[in-house]
Amino acid sequence: MIHFDNDYTEGAHEKILSRLLETNNIQMPGYGLDDYSEKARNLIKKATKKEDIDVHFLVGGTQTNLTVIAASLRPYEGVVTADSGHIHTLETGAIEAIGHKLLLLPNRDGKITAAQVQKLCDDYWSNKANMHKVQPGMVYLSNPTETGTLYSKAELIAFHKVCKDYDMKLFIDGARLGYGLVAETNDLTLEDLAQLTDVFYFGGTKLGALFGEAVIISNPEIKKGFLALTKQKGGLLAKGRTLGVQFEVLFENQFYLELSHHAVKQAMKLKNTFEALNLSLKYEAYTNQLFPIIPNKILDKLQEKYVFLKMEQEDKDHTLVRICTSWATTDENVKALTDDLYQLMRE
């Protein structure tokens, strides 16, 4: 079977595995206090053009979201998020489990707006009995979103202003950030993210690393005690150098951009195929995620050879699926799917 169901089904890029092997028998301090982790932090500071950030390495996305939010909020504060947000739909109630309510806003193509957040905050602060309600303390955005769409720099500036006006934190979930940064329609940089957010993270798990996310903190309130909280939440890896080594490779000579470009290039080949065959895409597609609407009779045959993530039944004859390319998606796999689609659509 050929998997197009997610972008972490492969292991790790050969360069990363090679560096892990090269450093395997070298004795060094644990818990991210090694030279490789320090070099990776310095490379990330250089990439963001911001020296006064703290950089921490955690293993996975849910653990990262949980730890960042726990470090950012008071017990009575909640997180404003799209109702399609990963922390709401795909993390088993992890945020509620640590005592923070999710304040949901309806999404449009996976996105929310600063105006929606403004209204939510206006309603809260104009209510004289607001002590009975959860106070909005953070805005959580995924970029790219769960539908592969992107926030623009103008949108991020608007969120930044609302958060400053209402003393809230702005947090970007960047599990697929690398793929977003190279998208044709993207106008955000790592420098912008470091300047306009309180905290964001750069995902390695989906971008050639065996595992790992790099948390980048600008807000001093979140920096305080973050490492201790990471330990308390079970996220401080004893063999922390395994994370540092991987991000050292990803940020050396901006290698993450090379990997990201490859995945997006493969996705755009498939996008062109869907458009040529008049197969509609549910959402705009400029990153590594595609959401084609496929006739059920075609999908049934494709599933004999390919693995897709079924999202929803679009109508009785069509199904919305998600297709993800990655740093490791081969030309051969893309060509195979393209050839099969053309063949099946002709039948």
Foldseek 3Di string as FASTA:
>chain_A
DAEQAALQPDFFDPVLVVLCVVCVPPDAAFLQPGPLLVLLVVLLCVQLVHDQKDKDKFFAQLLVVQLLVVLQDDLLAAEEEECQACCNPPNPVSNVVVRHDYDYDHDDLQDDALVVVLVVQVVLVVDPVNVVDRHHAEYEHEAVGPNRDHDALVRLQSNLVSCVVRVHFYEYEAQPVLQRVPFPPYDDGSNSVLVRGQKYKHHDSSARQSTMIMIIGDHPSSVPCSSVSCVVSVTRGRRCVSHSSNSSVCSVVVVSNVLSVVLQVLQVLVVVLCVVLVFDWPHDHGGQKTWTKDFPVLVVVVVVPYDWAFDAAPDPGITITMGGGGSPDDPVVSVVVSVSVVVVSVD
